[in-house]
N, C-alpha and C. Protein backbone atom coordinates (compact mmCIF):
# COMPACT_ATOMS: atom_id res chain seq x y z
N UNK A 1 0.84 -1.16 0.00
CA UNK A 1 -0.01 -0.01 -0.01
C UNK A 1 0.88 1.23 0.02
N UNK A 2 0.53 2.18 -0.85
CA UNK A 2 1.26 3.46 -0.97
C UNK A 2 0.28 4.58 -0.64
N UNK A 3 0.61 5.38 0.38
CA UNK A 3 -0.27 6.50 0.72
C UNK A 3 0.34 7.75 0.17
N UNK A 4 -0.48 8.49 -0.60
CA UNK A 4 -0.01 9.79 -1.13
C UNK A 4 -0.60 10.86 -0.27
N UNK A 5 0.25 11.73 0.24
CA UNK A 5 -0.17 12.83 1.09
C UNK A 5 0.25 14.15 0.40
N UNK A 6 -0.43 15.25 0.78
CA UNK A 6 -0.03 16.52 0.14
C UNK A 6 1.29 16.99 0.63
N UNK A 7 2.01 17.71 -0.26
CA UNK A 7 3.35 18.22 0.09
C UNK A 7 3.30 19.19 1.25
N UNK A 8 2.21 19.97 1.34
CA UNK A 8 2.01 20.85 2.47
C UNK A 8 0.92 20.23 3.33
N UNK A 9 1.20 19.82 4.59
CA UNK A 9 0.23 19.14 5.41
C UNK A 9 -1.09 19.93 5.58
N UNK A 10 -2.19 19.16 5.57
CA UNK A 10 -3.52 19.78 5.71
C UNK A 10 -3.98 19.76 7.17
N UNK A 11 -3.33 18.95 7.99
CA UNK A 11 -3.77 18.76 9.35
C UNK A 11 -2.64 19.10 10.34
N UNK A 12 -3.02 19.15 11.60
CA UNK A 12 -2.05 19.47 12.61
C UNK A 12 -1.19 18.22 12.96
N UNK A 13 -0.18 18.39 13.78
CA UNK A 13 0.73 17.32 14.08
C UNK A 13 0.06 16.15 14.78
N UNK A 14 -0.97 16.42 15.60
CA UNK A 14 -1.66 15.33 16.30
C UNK A 14 -2.23 14.35 15.30
N UNK A 15 -2.91 14.90 14.27
CA UNK A 15 -3.58 14.04 13.29
C UNK A 15 -2.59 13.38 12.35
N UNK A 16 -1.54 14.12 11.94
CA UNK A 16 -0.62 13.53 10.98
C UNK A 16 0.40 12.61 11.59
N UNK A 17 0.85 12.86 12.80
CA UNK A 17 1.89 12.07 13.43
C UNK A 17 1.32 11.05 14.42
N UNK A 18 0.56 11.49 15.39
CA UNK A 18 0.06 10.57 16.43
C UNK A 18 -0.85 9.50 15.80
N UNK A 19 -1.85 9.92 15.04
CA UNK A 19 -2.67 8.96 14.36
C UNK A 19 -1.89 8.11 13.37
N UNK A 20 -0.96 8.80 12.71
CA UNK A 20 -0.10 8.11 11.70
C UNK A 20 0.69 6.95 12.32
N UNK A 21 1.15 7.11 13.55
CA UNK A 21 1.90 6.06 14.19
C UNK A 21 1.09 4.78 14.31
N UNK A 22 -0.22 4.95 14.53
CA UNK A 22 -1.09 3.80 14.67
C UNK A 22 -1.62 3.28 13.35
N UNK A 23 -2.01 4.23 12.46
CA UNK A 23 -2.74 3.88 11.26
C UNK A 23 -1.89 3.78 9.95
N UNK A 24 -0.65 4.20 10.00
CA UNK A 24 0.12 4.13 8.79
C UNK A 24 1.19 3.06 8.81
N UNK A 25 1.19 2.23 9.85
CA UNK A 25 2.20 1.21 9.95
C UNK A 25 2.07 0.22 8.74
N UNK A 26 3.19 -0.17 8.17
CA UNK A 26 3.21 -1.11 7.05
C UNK A 26 2.89 -0.45 5.70
N UNK A 27 2.67 0.84 5.68
CA UNK A 27 2.39 1.52 4.40
C UNK A 27 3.65 2.28 3.97
N UNK A 28 3.85 2.30 2.66
CA UNK A 28 4.82 3.23 2.11
C UNK A 28 4.09 4.55 1.86
N UNK A 29 4.80 5.63 1.88
CA UNK A 29 4.13 6.91 1.65
C UNK A 29 5.00 7.87 0.94
N UNK A 30 4.37 8.84 0.30
CA UNK A 30 5.06 9.90 -0.45
C UNK A 30 4.27 11.20 -0.26
N UNK A 31 4.97 12.31 -0.08
CA UNK A 31 4.34 13.60 -0.03
C UNK A 31 4.58 14.27 -1.36
N UNK A 32 3.48 14.62 -2.06
CA UNK A 32 3.63 15.15 -3.42
C UNK A 32 2.48 16.08 -3.74
N UNK A 33 2.74 17.11 -4.48
CA UNK A 33 1.74 18.03 -5.01
C UNK A 33 1.26 17.45 -6.34
N UNK A 34 0.13 16.74 -6.36
CA UNK A 34 -0.31 16.12 -7.62
C UNK A 34 -0.89 17.17 -8.58
N UNK A 35 -0.95 18.42 -8.17
CA UNK A 35 -1.37 19.49 -9.08
C UNK A 35 -0.24 20.04 -9.94
N UNK A 36 1.01 19.74 -9.49
CA UNK A 36 2.20 20.23 -10.27
C UNK A 36 2.48 19.24 -11.38
N UNK A 37 3.21 19.63 -12.40
CA UNK A 37 3.50 18.73 -13.52
C UNK A 37 4.31 17.51 -13.09
N UNK A 38 5.36 17.69 -12.24
CA UNK A 38 6.17 16.58 -11.77
C UNK A 38 5.37 15.70 -10.86
N UNK A 39 4.56 16.31 -10.00
CA UNK A 39 3.74 15.51 -9.08
C UNK A 39 2.67 14.74 -9.81
N UNK A 40 2.10 15.32 -10.84
CA UNK A 40 1.06 14.63 -11.63
C UNK A 40 1.69 13.43 -12.35
N UNK A 41 2.87 13.64 -12.87
CA UNK A 41 3.58 12.53 -13.57
C UNK A 41 3.83 11.36 -12.61
N UNK A 42 4.28 11.66 -11.39
CA UNK A 42 4.51 10.62 -10.41
C UNK A 42 3.18 9.93 -10.04
N UNK A 43 2.13 10.73 -9.84
CA UNK A 43 0.83 10.19 -9.49
C UNK A 43 0.32 9.23 -10.58
N UNK A 44 0.48 9.65 -11.84
CA UNK A 44 -0.01 8.80 -12.95
C UNK A 44 0.79 7.51 -13.00
N UNK A 45 2.10 7.56 -12.80
CA UNK A 45 2.94 6.33 -12.78
C UNK A 45 2.46 5.41 -11.65
N UNK A 46 2.17 5.95 -10.46
CA UNK A 46 1.69 5.10 -9.38
C UNK A 46 0.31 4.48 -9.74
N UNK A 47 -0.59 5.27 -10.32
CA UNK A 47 -1.89 4.72 -10.69
C UNK A 47 -1.80 3.60 -11.72
N UNK A 48 -0.83 3.72 -12.62
CA UNK A 48 -0.62 2.67 -13.64
C UNK A 48 -0.10 1.38 -12.99
N UNK A 49 0.45 1.42 -11.78
CA UNK A 49 1.11 0.27 -11.20
C UNK A 49 0.34 -0.44 -10.12
N UNK A 50 -0.94 -0.01 -9.85
CA UNK A 50 -1.70 -0.56 -8.76
C UNK A 50 -2.96 -1.26 -9.18
N UNK A 51 -3.54 -2.06 -8.24
CA UNK A 51 -4.81 -2.73 -8.52
C UNK A 51 -6.00 -1.89 -8.07
N UNK A 52 -5.77 -1.03 -7.08
CA UNK A 52 -6.89 -0.23 -6.52
C UNK A 52 -6.41 1.15 -6.14
N UNK A 53 -7.27 2.13 -6.37
CA UNK A 53 -7.01 3.51 -5.95
C UNK A 53 -8.14 3.86 -4.98
N UNK A 54 -7.77 4.29 -3.78
CA UNK A 54 -8.75 4.67 -2.78
C UNK A 54 -8.51 6.15 -2.42
N UNK A 55 -9.56 6.96 -2.56
CA UNK A 55 -9.37 8.37 -2.36
C UNK A 55 -10.49 8.99 -1.59
N UNK A 56 -10.17 9.81 -0.60
CA UNK A 56 -11.12 10.55 0.16
C UNK A 56 -11.33 11.90 -0.57
N UNK A 57 -12.37 11.99 -1.37
CA UNK A 57 -12.56 13.19 -2.18
C UNK A 57 -14.05 13.29 -2.65
N UNK A 58 -14.50 14.46 -2.86
CA UNK A 58 -15.83 14.66 -3.43
C UNK A 58 -15.85 14.38 -4.91
N UNK A 59 -17.07 14.24 -5.47
CA UNK A 59 -17.20 14.03 -6.94
C UNK A 59 -16.50 15.12 -7.69
N UNK A 60 -16.67 16.38 -7.23
CA UNK A 60 -16.05 17.50 -7.92
C UNK A 60 -14.48 17.37 -7.92
N UNK A 61 -13.91 16.99 -6.78
CA UNK A 61 -12.48 16.77 -6.69
C UNK A 61 -12.01 15.65 -7.58
N UNK A 62 -12.77 14.55 -7.58
CA UNK A 62 -12.45 13.37 -8.41
C UNK A 62 -12.35 13.76 -9.91
N UNK A 63 -13.36 14.51 -10.33
CA UNK A 63 -13.41 14.94 -11.73
C UNK A 63 -12.25 15.90 -12.02
N UNK A 64 -12.04 16.86 -11.16
CA UNK A 64 -10.97 17.87 -11.33
C UNK A 64 -9.55 17.23 -11.45
N UNK A 65 -9.36 16.15 -10.68
CA UNK A 65 -8.04 15.47 -10.67
C UNK A 65 -7.95 14.38 -11.72
N UNK A 66 -8.99 14.25 -12.56
CA UNK A 66 -8.91 13.27 -13.66
C UNK A 66 -9.02 11.84 -13.20
N UNK A 67 -9.80 11.60 -12.14
CA UNK A 67 -10.00 10.21 -11.70
C UNK A 67 -11.44 9.75 -11.94
N UNK A 68 -12.19 10.47 -12.81
CA UNK A 68 -13.50 9.99 -13.15
C UNK A 68 -13.31 8.74 -13.97
N UNK A 69 -14.36 8.01 -14.23
CA UNK A 69 -14.32 6.68 -14.83
C UNK A 69 -13.49 6.63 -16.14
N UNK A 70 -13.76 7.52 -17.04
CA UNK A 70 -13.11 7.51 -18.32
C UNK A 70 -11.59 7.84 -18.22
N UNK A 71 -11.28 8.84 -17.39
CA UNK A 71 -9.87 9.26 -17.26
C UNK A 71 -9.05 8.19 -16.53
N UNK A 72 -9.64 7.55 -15.52
CA UNK A 72 -8.91 6.47 -14.84
C UNK A 72 -8.68 5.30 -15.76
N UNK A 73 -9.66 4.93 -16.57
CA UNK A 73 -9.54 3.82 -17.49
C UNK A 73 -8.40 4.12 -18.47
N UNK A 74 -8.22 5.36 -18.86
CA UNK A 74 -7.18 5.69 -19.80
C UNK A 74 -5.77 5.51 -19.14
N UNK A 75 -5.70 5.65 -17.81
CA UNK A 75 -4.44 5.44 -17.12
C UNK A 75 -4.21 3.96 -16.78
N UNK A 76 -5.26 3.27 -16.32
CA UNK A 76 -5.15 1.91 -15.88
C UNK A 76 -6.51 1.28 -15.91
N UNK A 77 -6.85 0.60 -17.01
CA UNK A 77 -8.21 0.06 -17.20
C UNK A 77 -8.52 -1.06 -16.23
N UNK A 78 -7.51 -1.59 -15.59
CA UNK A 78 -7.70 -2.70 -14.63
C UNK A 78 -7.81 -2.22 -13.16
N UNK A 79 -7.59 -0.94 -12.92
CA UNK A 79 -7.60 -0.45 -11.52
C UNK A 79 -9.01 -0.27 -11.04
N UNK A 80 -9.30 -0.75 -9.84
CA UNK A 80 -10.55 -0.51 -9.18
C UNK A 80 -10.41 0.84 -8.44
N UNK A 81 -11.50 1.60 -8.35
CA UNK A 81 -11.48 2.89 -7.71
C UNK A 81 -12.51 2.91 -6.58
N UNK A 82 -12.08 3.37 -5.41
CA UNK A 82 -12.98 3.49 -4.27
C UNK A 82 -12.95 4.94 -3.79
N UNK A 83 -14.08 5.54 -3.71
CA UNK A 83 -14.22 6.91 -3.29
C UNK A 83 -14.93 7.00 -1.93
N UNK A 84 -14.33 7.74 -1.01
CA UNK A 84 -14.98 8.09 0.27
C UNK A 84 -15.11 9.60 0.33
N UNK A 85 -16.17 10.07 0.95
CA UNK A 85 -16.24 11.51 1.20
C UNK A 85 -17.16 11.72 2.40
N UNK A 86 -17.50 12.96 2.63
CA UNK A 86 -18.33 13.26 3.77
C UNK A 86 -19.81 13.16 3.53
N UNK A 87 -20.32 13.81 2.47
CA UNK A 87 -21.75 13.90 2.26
C UNK A 87 -22.22 13.29 0.94
N UNK A 88 -21.34 12.67 0.18
CA UNK A 88 -21.72 12.12 -1.11
C UNK A 88 -22.46 10.86 -1.04
N UNK A 89 -22.71 10.28 -2.21
CA UNK A 89 -23.44 9.00 -2.28
C UNK A 89 -23.96 8.77 -3.68
N UNK A 90 -24.76 7.74 -3.79
CA UNK A 90 -25.32 7.35 -5.07
C UNK A 90 -26.20 8.45 -5.63
N UNK A 91 -26.97 9.09 -4.77
CA UNK A 91 -27.80 10.19 -5.23
C UNK A 91 -27.19 11.55 -4.73
N UNK A 92 -27.12 12.49 -5.67
CA UNK A 92 -26.50 13.78 -5.30
C UNK A 92 -27.51 14.57 -4.44
N UNK A 93 -26.96 15.33 -3.50
CA UNK A 93 -27.77 16.19 -2.66
C UNK A 93 -27.13 17.57 -2.55
N UNK A 94 -27.71 18.50 -1.80
CA UNK A 94 -27.19 19.84 -1.73
C UNK A 94 -25.81 19.94 -1.09
N UNK A 95 -25.40 18.91 -0.33
CA UNK A 95 -24.11 18.92 0.35
C UNK A 95 -23.09 17.96 -0.30
N UNK A 96 -23.48 17.36 -1.43
CA UNK A 96 -22.62 16.30 -1.99
C UNK A 96 -21.14 16.71 -2.15
N UNK A 97 -20.90 17.94 -2.55
CA UNK A 97 -19.48 18.35 -2.77
C UNK A 97 -18.95 19.19 -1.63
N UNK A 98 -19.61 19.16 -0.48
CA UNK A 98 -19.06 19.82 0.70
C UNK A 98 -17.98 18.98 1.31
N UNK A 99 -16.92 19.64 1.75
CA UNK A 99 -15.91 18.93 2.55
C UNK A 99 -16.38 18.81 3.94
N UNK A 100 -15.99 17.79 4.67
CA UNK A 100 -16.39 17.66 6.04
C UNK A 100 -15.71 16.55 6.72
N UNK A 101 -15.97 16.46 8.02
CA UNK A 101 -15.30 15.51 8.86
C UNK A 101 -16.34 14.86 9.78
N UNK A 102 -15.94 13.92 10.59
CA UNK A 102 -16.82 13.19 11.47
C UNK A 102 -17.76 14.10 12.23
N UNK A 103 -17.26 15.15 12.86
CA UNK A 103 -18.10 16.00 13.67
C UNK A 103 -19.18 16.69 12.85
N UNK A 104 -18.86 17.07 11.58
CA UNK A 104 -19.82 17.65 10.72
C UNK A 104 -20.98 16.72 10.46
N UNK A 105 -20.66 15.44 10.23
CA UNK A 105 -21.66 14.45 9.94
C UNK A 105 -22.49 14.16 11.22
N UNK A 106 -21.83 14.03 12.34
CA UNK A 106 -22.59 13.83 13.57
C UNK A 106 -23.59 14.93 13.82
N UNK A 107 -23.18 16.19 13.56
CA UNK A 107 -24.06 17.35 13.78
C UNK A 107 -25.21 17.38 12.78
N UNK A 108 -24.95 17.11 11.48
CA UNK A 108 -26.02 17.21 10.46
C UNK A 108 -26.94 16.04 10.38
N UNK A 109 -26.55 14.90 10.87
CA UNK A 109 -27.43 13.73 10.82
C UNK A 109 -28.14 13.43 12.10
N UNK A 110 -27.91 14.28 13.15
CA UNK A 110 -28.64 14.13 14.41
C UNK A 110 -28.01 13.16 15.41
N UNK A 111 -26.79 12.72 15.10
CA UNK A 111 -26.09 11.76 15.98
C UNK A 111 -25.73 12.45 17.30
N UNK A 112 -25.31 13.75 17.23
CA UNK A 112 -24.90 14.42 18.47
C UNK A 112 -26.05 14.52 19.46
N UNK A 113 -27.17 15.06 19.09
CA UNK A 113 -28.30 15.11 20.09
C UNK A 113 -28.81 13.74 20.50
N UNK A 114 -28.78 12.82 19.61
CA UNK A 114 -29.27 11.47 19.93
C UNK A 114 -28.45 10.82 21.08
N UNK A 115 -27.14 11.07 21.03
CA UNK A 115 -26.27 10.45 22.04
C UNK A 115 -25.83 11.37 23.13
N UNK A 116 -26.65 12.35 23.47
CA UNK A 116 -26.39 13.11 24.69
C UNK A 116 -26.20 14.61 24.51
N UNK A 117 -25.98 15.12 23.30
CA UNK A 117 -25.83 16.53 23.11
C UNK A 117 -27.15 17.24 22.86
N UNK A 118 -27.08 18.49 22.51
CA UNK A 118 -28.26 19.26 22.14
C UNK A 118 -27.85 20.28 21.10
N UNK A 119 -28.84 21.01 20.53
CA UNK A 119 -28.53 22.06 19.59
C UNK A 119 -27.64 23.13 20.20
N UNK A 120 -27.81 23.35 21.51
CA UNK A 120 -27.01 24.42 22.19
C UNK A 120 -25.69 23.85 22.68
N UNK A 121 -25.63 22.59 23.05
CA UNK A 121 -24.42 22.00 23.57
C UNK A 121 -24.11 20.69 22.84
N UNK A 122 -23.56 20.77 21.65
CA UNK A 122 -23.28 19.54 20.87
C UNK A 122 -22.26 18.68 21.60
N UNK A 123 -22.43 17.38 21.49
CA UNK A 123 -21.55 16.42 22.14
C UNK A 123 -21.21 15.30 21.15
N UNK A 124 -19.89 15.08 20.96
CA UNK A 124 -19.45 14.00 20.10
C UNK A 124 -19.99 12.67 20.60
N UNK A 125 -20.43 11.84 19.68
CA UNK A 125 -20.94 10.49 20.07
C UNK A 125 -19.82 9.68 20.68
N UNK A 126 -18.68 9.64 20.05
CA UNK A 126 -17.54 8.90 20.60
C UNK A 126 -16.30 9.60 20.08
N UNK A 127 -15.29 9.68 20.87
CA UNK A 127 -14.08 10.33 20.45
C UNK A 127 -13.30 9.33 19.60
N UNK A 128 -12.39 9.79 18.79
CA UNK A 128 -11.60 8.99 17.89
C UNK A 128 -12.48 8.34 16.84
N UNK A 129 -13.43 9.12 16.34
CA UNK A 129 -14.16 8.79 15.12
C UNK A 129 -14.88 7.48 14.97
N UNK A 130 -16.06 7.37 15.51
CA UNK A 130 -16.93 6.20 15.27
C UNK A 130 -17.25 6.09 13.81
N UNK A 131 -17.75 7.16 13.21
CA UNK A 131 -18.17 7.11 11.80
C UNK A 131 -16.96 7.00 10.88
N UNK A 132 -15.85 7.63 11.26
CA UNK A 132 -14.62 7.47 10.49
C UNK A 132 -14.24 6.01 10.37
N UNK A 133 -14.30 5.30 11.47
CA UNK A 133 -13.94 3.85 11.51
C UNK A 133 -14.89 3.10 10.62
N UNK A 134 -16.22 3.42 10.72
CA UNK A 134 -17.18 2.73 9.83
C UNK A 134 -16.88 3.07 8.36
N UNK A 135 -16.41 4.32 8.11
CA UNK A 135 -16.01 4.68 6.74
C UNK A 135 -14.94 3.75 6.19
N UNK A 136 -13.95 3.45 7.06
CA UNK A 136 -12.86 2.54 6.64
C UNK A 136 -13.40 1.14 6.40
N UNK A 137 -14.25 0.63 7.26
CA UNK A 137 -14.82 -0.65 7.02
C UNK A 137 -15.72 -0.70 5.78
N UNK A 138 -16.51 0.36 5.59
CA UNK A 138 -17.33 0.42 4.37
C UNK A 138 -16.49 0.46 3.10
N UNK A 139 -15.42 1.18 3.11
CA UNK A 139 -14.52 1.22 1.96
C UNK A 139 -13.83 -0.10 1.72
N UNK A 140 -13.40 -0.74 2.81
CA UNK A 140 -12.73 -2.04 2.67
C UNK A 140 -13.70 -3.07 2.09
N UNK A 141 -14.96 -3.05 2.55
CA UNK A 141 -15.94 -3.95 1.99
C UNK A 141 -16.17 -3.66 0.50
N UNK A 142 -16.29 -2.35 0.15
CA UNK A 142 -16.48 -1.99 -1.22
C UNK A 142 -15.31 -2.45 -2.11
N UNK A 143 -14.09 -2.29 -1.61
CA UNK A 143 -12.94 -2.74 -2.38
C UNK A 143 -12.92 -4.26 -2.53
N UNK A 144 -13.26 -4.97 -1.45
CA UNK A 144 -13.26 -6.44 -1.52
C UNK A 144 -14.28 -6.94 -2.56
N UNK A 145 -15.48 -6.30 -2.55
CA UNK A 145 -16.51 -6.71 -3.50
C UNK A 145 -16.11 -6.39 -4.94
N UNK A 146 -15.50 -5.22 -5.13
CA UNK A 146 -15.07 -4.78 -6.48
C UNK A 146 -13.92 -5.68 -6.97
N UNK A 147 -13.02 -6.07 -6.09
CA UNK A 147 -11.92 -6.98 -6.50
C UNK A 147 -12.45 -8.38 -6.81
N UNK A 148 -13.46 -8.80 -6.04
CA UNK A 148 -14.09 -10.11 -6.35
C UNK A 148 -14.77 -10.03 -7.72
N UNK A 149 -15.48 -8.92 -7.97
CA UNK A 149 -16.13 -8.71 -9.27
C UNK A 149 -15.10 -8.78 -10.38
N UNK A 150 -13.96 -8.14 -10.15
CA UNK A 150 -12.88 -8.10 -11.19
C UNK A 150 -12.35 -9.48 -11.45
N UNK A 151 -12.17 -10.28 -10.34
CA UNK A 151 -11.64 -11.65 -10.50
C UNK A 151 -12.65 -12.55 -11.27
N UNK A 152 -13.94 -12.31 -11.05
CA UNK A 152 -14.98 -13.14 -11.69
C UNK A 152 -15.32 -12.69 -13.12
N UNK A 153 -15.30 -11.39 -13.37
CA UNK A 153 -15.78 -10.86 -14.64
C UNK A 153 -14.71 -10.16 -15.46
N UNK A 154 -13.58 -9.82 -14.84
CA UNK A 154 -12.54 -9.08 -15.58
C UNK A 154 -12.86 -7.57 -15.56
N UNK A 155 -14.00 -7.18 -15.08
CA UNK A 155 -14.43 -5.77 -15.04
C UNK A 155 -14.00 -5.13 -13.71
N UNK A 156 -13.32 -4.02 -13.80
CA UNK A 156 -12.87 -3.29 -12.59
C UNK A 156 -14.01 -2.33 -12.18
N UNK A 157 -14.54 -2.53 -11.01
CA UNK A 157 -15.70 -1.74 -10.55
C UNK A 157 -15.26 -0.48 -9.81
N UNK A 158 -16.25 0.31 -9.41
CA UNK A 158 -16.04 1.51 -8.63
C UNK A 158 -16.90 1.42 -7.38
N UNK A 159 -16.29 1.63 -6.27
CA UNK A 159 -17.04 1.62 -4.96
C UNK A 159 -17.11 3.04 -4.44
N UNK A 160 -18.18 3.37 -3.76
CA UNK A 160 -18.28 4.68 -3.19
C UNK A 160 -19.06 4.62 -1.89
N UNK A 161 -18.60 5.31 -0.87
CA UNK A 161 -19.31 5.43 0.37
C UNK A 161 -19.00 6.79 0.96
N UNK A 162 -19.82 7.17 1.95
CA UNK A 162 -19.57 8.46 2.60
C UNK A 162 -19.91 8.34 4.11
N UNK A 163 -19.35 9.26 4.84
CA UNK A 163 -19.57 9.28 6.29
C UNK A 163 -21.06 9.47 6.60
N UNK A 164 -21.73 10.32 5.83
CA UNK A 164 -23.15 10.54 6.13
C UNK A 164 -23.97 9.31 5.80
N UNK A 165 -23.66 8.59 4.76
CA UNK A 165 -24.37 7.37 4.41
C UNK A 165 -24.17 6.35 5.54
N UNK A 166 -22.93 6.22 6.04
CA UNK A 166 -22.65 5.21 7.08
C UNK A 166 -23.21 5.61 8.44
N UNK A 167 -23.50 6.89 8.62
CA UNK A 167 -24.06 7.30 9.92
C UNK A 167 -25.37 6.65 10.18
N UNK A 168 -26.06 6.21 9.11
CA UNK A 168 -27.32 5.49 9.30
C UNK A 168 -27.20 4.23 10.11
N UNK A 169 -26.00 3.64 10.14
CA UNK A 169 -25.79 2.41 10.91
C UNK A 169 -26.02 2.70 12.40
N UNK A 170 -25.64 3.92 12.83
CA UNK A 170 -25.83 4.24 14.28
C UNK A 170 -27.29 4.44 14.63
N UNK A 171 -28.15 4.62 13.62
CA UNK A 171 -29.55 4.81 13.87
C UNK A 171 -30.35 3.48 13.93
N UNK A 172 -29.74 2.37 13.51
CA UNK A 172 -30.44 1.11 13.47
C UNK A 172 -31.15 0.71 14.76
N UNK A 173 -30.48 0.88 15.93
CA UNK A 173 -31.16 0.49 17.17
C UNK A 173 -32.42 1.28 17.43
N UNK A 174 -32.58 2.41 16.87
CA UNK A 174 -33.73 3.31 17.09
C UNK A 174 -34.82 3.09 16.03
N UNK A 175 -34.61 2.19 15.10
CA UNK A 175 -35.51 1.99 13.97
C UNK A 175 -36.48 0.82 14.17
N UNK A 176 -36.26 -0.02 15.15
CA UNK A 176 -37.06 -1.19 15.29
C UNK A 176 -37.66 -1.34 16.68
N UNK A 177 -38.93 -1.85 16.67
CA UNK A 177 -39.58 -2.17 17.90
C UNK A 177 -39.49 -3.71 18.06
N UNK A 178 -39.10 -4.16 19.21
CA UNK A 178 -39.00 -5.60 19.43
C UNK A 178 -39.31 -5.86 20.88
N UNK A 179 -39.60 -7.13 21.22
CA UNK A 179 -39.99 -7.49 22.56
C UNK A 179 -38.88 -7.17 23.57
N UNK A 180 -39.21 -6.50 24.62
CA UNK A 180 -38.25 -6.15 25.65
C UNK A 180 -37.53 -4.83 25.41
N UNK A 181 -37.79 -4.19 24.27
CA UNK A 181 -37.14 -2.91 23.99
C UNK A 181 -37.80 -1.82 24.84
N UNK A 182 -36.99 -0.94 25.38
CA UNK A 182 -37.51 0.15 26.19
C UNK A 182 -38.21 1.21 25.33
N UNK A 183 -38.71 2.21 26.02
CA UNK A 183 -39.40 3.37 25.37
C UNK A 183 -38.43 4.04 24.44
N UNK A 184 -38.98 4.39 23.26
CA UNK A 184 -38.20 5.21 22.31
C UNK A 184 -38.01 6.59 22.88
N UNK A 185 -36.83 6.98 23.17
CA UNK A 185 -36.54 8.29 23.77
C UNK A 185 -36.08 9.24 22.65
N UNK A 186 -37.09 9.74 21.89
CA UNK A 186 -36.72 10.55 20.74
C UNK A 186 -36.30 11.95 21.14
N UNK A 187 -35.36 12.55 20.42
CA UNK A 187 -34.95 13.90 20.70
C UNK A 187 -36.17 14.89 20.54
N UNK A 188 -36.22 15.96 21.24
CA UNK A 188 -37.34 16.91 21.12
C UNK A 188 -37.44 17.43 19.69
N UNK A 189 -38.69 17.56 19.27
CA UNK A 189 -38.96 18.06 17.94
C UNK A 189 -38.26 19.40 17.68
N UNK A 190 -38.26 20.26 18.69
CA UNK A 190 -37.65 21.58 18.54
C UNK A 190 -36.14 21.45 18.22
N UNK A 191 -35.52 20.45 18.85
CA UNK A 191 -34.08 20.21 18.59
C UNK A 191 -33.86 19.75 17.15
N UNK A 192 -34.71 18.90 16.67
CA UNK A 192 -34.57 18.42 15.30
C UNK A 192 -34.82 19.56 14.29
N UNK A 193 -35.76 20.40 14.61
CA UNK A 193 -36.02 21.58 13.73
C UNK A 193 -34.81 22.50 13.70
N UNK A 194 -34.18 22.69 14.87
CA UNK A 194 -33.01 23.55 14.93
C UNK A 194 -31.86 22.99 14.13
N UNK A 195 -31.70 21.68 14.10
CA UNK A 195 -30.62 21.07 13.38
C UNK A 195 -30.84 21.15 11.88
N UNK A 196 -32.09 21.17 11.45
CA UNK A 196 -32.40 21.20 10.03
C UNK A 196 -32.17 22.59 9.41
N UNK A 197 -32.07 23.62 10.25
CA UNK A 197 -31.89 24.99 9.74
C UNK A 197 -30.47 25.40 9.80
């Protein structure tokens, strides 16, 4: 696995180094500006040499960087592509091309008030990214299915998931009535209205 990072870090030291010590083990990495001519050339060489490309980017970013279906096939017709983002999905919505992180999704999908916060005092559901972790599992599953499809059919698929789509998994316990289940403790209607505006 080769991780490409930006030449100028986008995050603070805690995210790039501390998390990196746990999550980047066993990976090779390179810092490169893929917008520059030399960086783009390196990026294209790497894309031509791999089985899968996994990128955390919106549809707009994917198209701008030439990783849409047609452009990627021109570079490597056998490469599977997996896209993760914050608000995207199969159906486009008003936030599809918004950048965002776990806390943005928790706030916009109602996870924060559901698990103890309110519109006035938001509270993270869990620290160290519950939905981020589900994003990784969702992407891994998408890659596994696409690689299986490729092995069976020769066709390289495209997988896509988003943090907002995966946030629905946290709502599952509140969606079903079953024997022995306690009272549904729904957030106040006023709180839901406040989150929607």
